[in-house]
C-alpha atoms as a PDB file:
ATOM      1  CA  MET A   1     -39.771 -14.933   6.988  1.00  0.00           C
ATOM      2  CA  GLN A   2     -38.032 -14.753  10.400  1.00  0.00           C
ATOM      3  CA  SER A   3     -34.981 -16.941   9.063  1.00  0.00           C
ATOM      4  CA  GLU A   4     -34.289 -14.396   6.310  1.00  0.00           C
ATOM      5  CA  ARG A   5     -33.904 -11.679   8.950  1.00  0.00           C
ATOM      6  CA  THR A   6     -31.551 -13.835  10.836  1.00  0.00           C
ATOM      7  CA  GLU A   7     -29.371 -14.526   7.674  1.00  0.00           C
ATOM      8  CA  ASN A   8     -29.197 -10.756   6.964  1.00  0.00           C
ATOM      9  CA  LYS A   9     -28.085 -10.058  10.519  1.00  0.00           C
ATOM     10  CA  ASP A  10     -25.271 -12.899  10.045  1.00  0.00           C
ATOM     11  CA  LYS A  11     -24.100 -10.976   6.788  1.00  0.00           C
ATOM     12  CA  ASP A  12     -23.667  -7.749   8.916  1.00  0.00           C
ATOM     13  CA  LYS A  13     -21.416  -9.162  11.397  1.00  0.00           C
ATOM     14  CA  PRO A  14     -17.827  -7.813  11.394  1.00  0.00           C
ATOM     15  CA  ASP A  15     -16.198 -11.238  11.520  1.00  0.00           C
ATOM     16  CA  HIS A  16     -18.321 -12.626   8.472  1.00  0.00           C
ATOM     17  CA  ALA A  17     -15.889 -14.204   5.978  1.00  0.00           C
ATOM     18  CA  HIS A  18     -15.342 -12.291   2.775  1.00  0.00           C
ATOM     19  CA  ASP A  19     -13.300 -12.654  -0.250  1.00  0.00           C
ATOM     20  CA  THR A  20      -9.987 -10.912  -0.555  1.00  0.00           C
ATOM     21  CA  THR A  21      -8.149 -10.450  -3.726  1.00  0.00           C
ATOM     22  CA  ILE A  22      -4.432 -11.068  -3.468  1.00  0.00           C
ATOM     23  CA  VAL A  23      -1.622 -11.409  -5.914  1.00  0.00           C
ATOM     24  CA  VAL A  24       0.483 -14.799  -6.330  1.00  0.00           C
ATOM     25  CA  ASN A  25       3.112 -14.899  -8.905  1.00  0.00           C
ATOM     26  CA  ALA A  26       1.626 -11.951 -10.837  1.00  0.00           C
ATOM     27  CA  GLN A  27      -1.748 -13.534 -11.036  1.00  0.00           C
ATOM     28  CA  GLU A  28      -4.843 -12.208  -8.989  1.00  0.00           C
ATOM     29  CA  LYS A  29      -6.249 -14.865  -6.661  1.00  0.00           C
ATOM     30  CA  THR A  30      -9.394 -14.730  -4.455  1.00  0.00           C
ATOM     31  CA  VAL A  31      -9.258 -16.168  -0.999  1.00  0.00           C
ATOM     32  CA  ALA A  32     -12.011 -16.390   1.600  1.00  0.00           C
ATOM     33  CA  ALA A  33      -9.797 -16.801   4.798  1.00  0.00           C
ATOM     34  CA  LYS A  34      -8.103 -14.107   6.970  1.00  0.00           C
ATOM     35  CA  GLU A  35      -4.956 -16.099   7.067  1.00  0.00           C
ATOM     36  CA  ILE A  36      -3.130 -18.207   4.527  1.00  0.00           C
ATOM     37  CA  THR A  37      -0.627 -20.771   5.041  1.00  0.00           C
ATOM     38  CA  PHE A  38       2.601 -21.442   3.038  1.00  0.00           C
ATOM     39  CA  GLU A  39       1.211 -24.624   1.755  1.00  0.00           C
ATOM     40  CA  GLN A  40      -2.041 -23.034   0.438  1.00  0.00           C
ATOM     41  CA  LEU A  41       0.039 -20.422  -1.230  1.00  0.00           C
ATOM     42  CA  VAL A  42       2.312 -23.047  -2.979  1.00  0.00           C
ATOM     43  CA  ASP A  43      -1.009 -24.531  -4.091  1.00  0.00           C
ATOM     44  CA  LEU A  44      -2.324 -21.289  -5.590  1.00  0.00           C
ATOM     45  CA  ALA A  45       0.847 -20.424  -7.291  1.00  0.00           C
ATOM     46  CA  TYR A  46       0.952 -23.802  -9.159  1.00  0.00           C
ATOM     47  CA  ASP A  47      -2.765 -24.066  -9.655  1.00  0.00           C
ATOM     48  CA  GLY A  48      -3.012 -27.145  -7.294  1.00  0.00           C
ATOM     49  CA  ASN A  49      -0.276 -29.000  -8.995  1.00  0.00           C
ATOM     50  CA  PRO A  50       3.234 -27.837  -7.684  1.00  0.00           C
ATOM     51  CA  PRO A  51       6.401 -29.797  -8.444  1.00  0.00           C
ATOM     52  CA  GLN A  52       6.754 -32.843  -6.449  1.00  0.00           C
ATOM     53  CA  GLY A  53       9.682 -34.829  -5.070  1.00  0.00           C
ATOM     54  CA  GLU A  54      12.441 -34.697  -2.240  1.00  0.00           C
ATOM     55  CA  ASN A  55      14.703 -32.328  -4.336  1.00  0.00           C
ATOM     56  CA  TRP A  56      12.176 -29.423  -4.594  1.00  0.00           C
ATOM     57  CA  VAL A  57      12.403 -26.357  -2.228  1.00  0.00           C
ATOM     58  CA  PHE A  58      10.044 -23.480  -2.304  1.00  0.00           C
ATOM     59  CA  THR A  59      10.842 -19.950  -1.314  1.00  0.00           C
ATOM     60  CA  LEU A  60       7.961 -17.805  -0.345  1.00  0.00           C
ATOM     61  CA  THR A  61       8.144 -13.924   0.014  1.00  0.00           C
ATOM     62  CA  TYR A  62       5.389 -11.382   0.396  1.00  0.00           C
ATOM     63  CA  ARG A  63       4.859  -7.524   0.556  1.00  0.00           C
ATOM     64  CA  ARG A  64       2.082  -5.055   1.043  1.00  0.00           C
ATOM     65  CA  GLY A  65       0.908  -7.083   4.074  1.00  0.00           C
ATOM     66  CA  ALA A  66      -0.982  -6.040   7.258  1.00  0.00           C
ATOM     67  CA  ASP A  67       0.578  -3.186   9.383  1.00  0.00           C
ATOM     68  CA  GLU A  68       2.135  -5.773  11.897  1.00  0.00           C
ATOM     69  CA  SER A  69       4.195  -7.464   9.074  1.00  0.00           C
ATOM     70  CA  PRO A  70       4.073  -5.495   5.722  1.00  0.00           C
ATOM     71  CA  GLN A  71       6.742  -7.592   4.242  1.00  0.00           C
ATOM     72  CA  GLY A  72       8.732 -10.884   4.918  1.00  0.00           C
ATOM     73  CA  SER A  73       9.002 -14.472   4.086  1.00  0.00           C
ATOM     74  CA  LEU A  74       7.056 -17.722   5.055  1.00  0.00           C
ATOM     75  CA  VAL A  75       8.508 -21.112   5.676  1.00  0.00           C
ATOM     76  CA  LYS A  76       6.766 -24.392   5.608  1.00  0.00           C
ATOM     77  CA  GLY A  77       4.081 -24.608   8.323  1.00  0.00           C
ATOM     78  CA  ALA A  78       3.745 -21.017   8.758  1.00  0.00           C
ATOM     79  CA  SER A  79       0.784 -18.572   7.854  1.00  0.00           C
ATOM     80  CA  VAL A  80       0.169 -14.809   7.427  1.00  0.00           C
ATOM     81  CA  LYS A  81      -2.868 -12.551   7.731  1.00  0.00           C
ATOM     82  CA  VAL A  82      -4.167 -11.674   4.140  1.00  0.00           C
ATOM     83  CA  LYS A  83      -4.745  -8.123   3.140  1.00  0.00           C
ATOM     84  CA  LYS A  84      -6.421  -6.879  -0.175  1.00  0.00           C
ATOM     85  CA  GLY A  85      -3.639  -6.260  -2.768  1.00  0.00           C
ATOM     86  CA  MET A  86      -0.945  -8.350  -0.819  1.00  0.00           C
ATOM     87  CA  VAL A  87       1.650  -9.643  -3.127  1.00  0.00           C
ATOM     88  CA  PHE A  88       3.202 -13.162  -2.942  1.00  0.00           C
ATOM     89  CA  ASN A  89       6.203 -14.548  -4.727  1.00  0.00           C
ATOM     90  CA  VAL A  90       6.490 -18.303  -4.716  1.00  0.00           C
ATOM     91  CA  THR A  91       9.655 -19.909  -6.287  1.00  0.00           C
ATOM     92  CA  ALA A  92      10.418 -23.506  -6.804  1.00  0.00           C
ATOM     93  CA  THR A  93      13.976 -24.732  -7.008  1.00  0.00           C
ATOM     94  CA  ASP A  94      15.267 -28.285  -7.790  1.00  0.00           C
ATOM     95  CA  LYS A  95      18.113 -29.017  -5.656  1.00  0.00           C
ATOM     96  CA  ALA A  96      19.282 -32.003  -7.842  1.00  0.00           C
END
């Protein structure tokens, strides 16, 4: 019984991970992290199967973000804090 109380206390912690609904390429997606990376967004945009090859370049923009960065773009290796309702647009371009 004591372990149940401990579990309930953990759920009430403000830093407890919770799901956040975002929009990626006009589709609602649910993420559990407080931040999301460029690479994770590309995976979400293409359901885990993005175009492959050296000629593919991805452009990623966002809007409706957190107050410190309400809109902008991400580059490979970068990340951004997620906010409920945040909108991401991921575009793949073949340079060939």
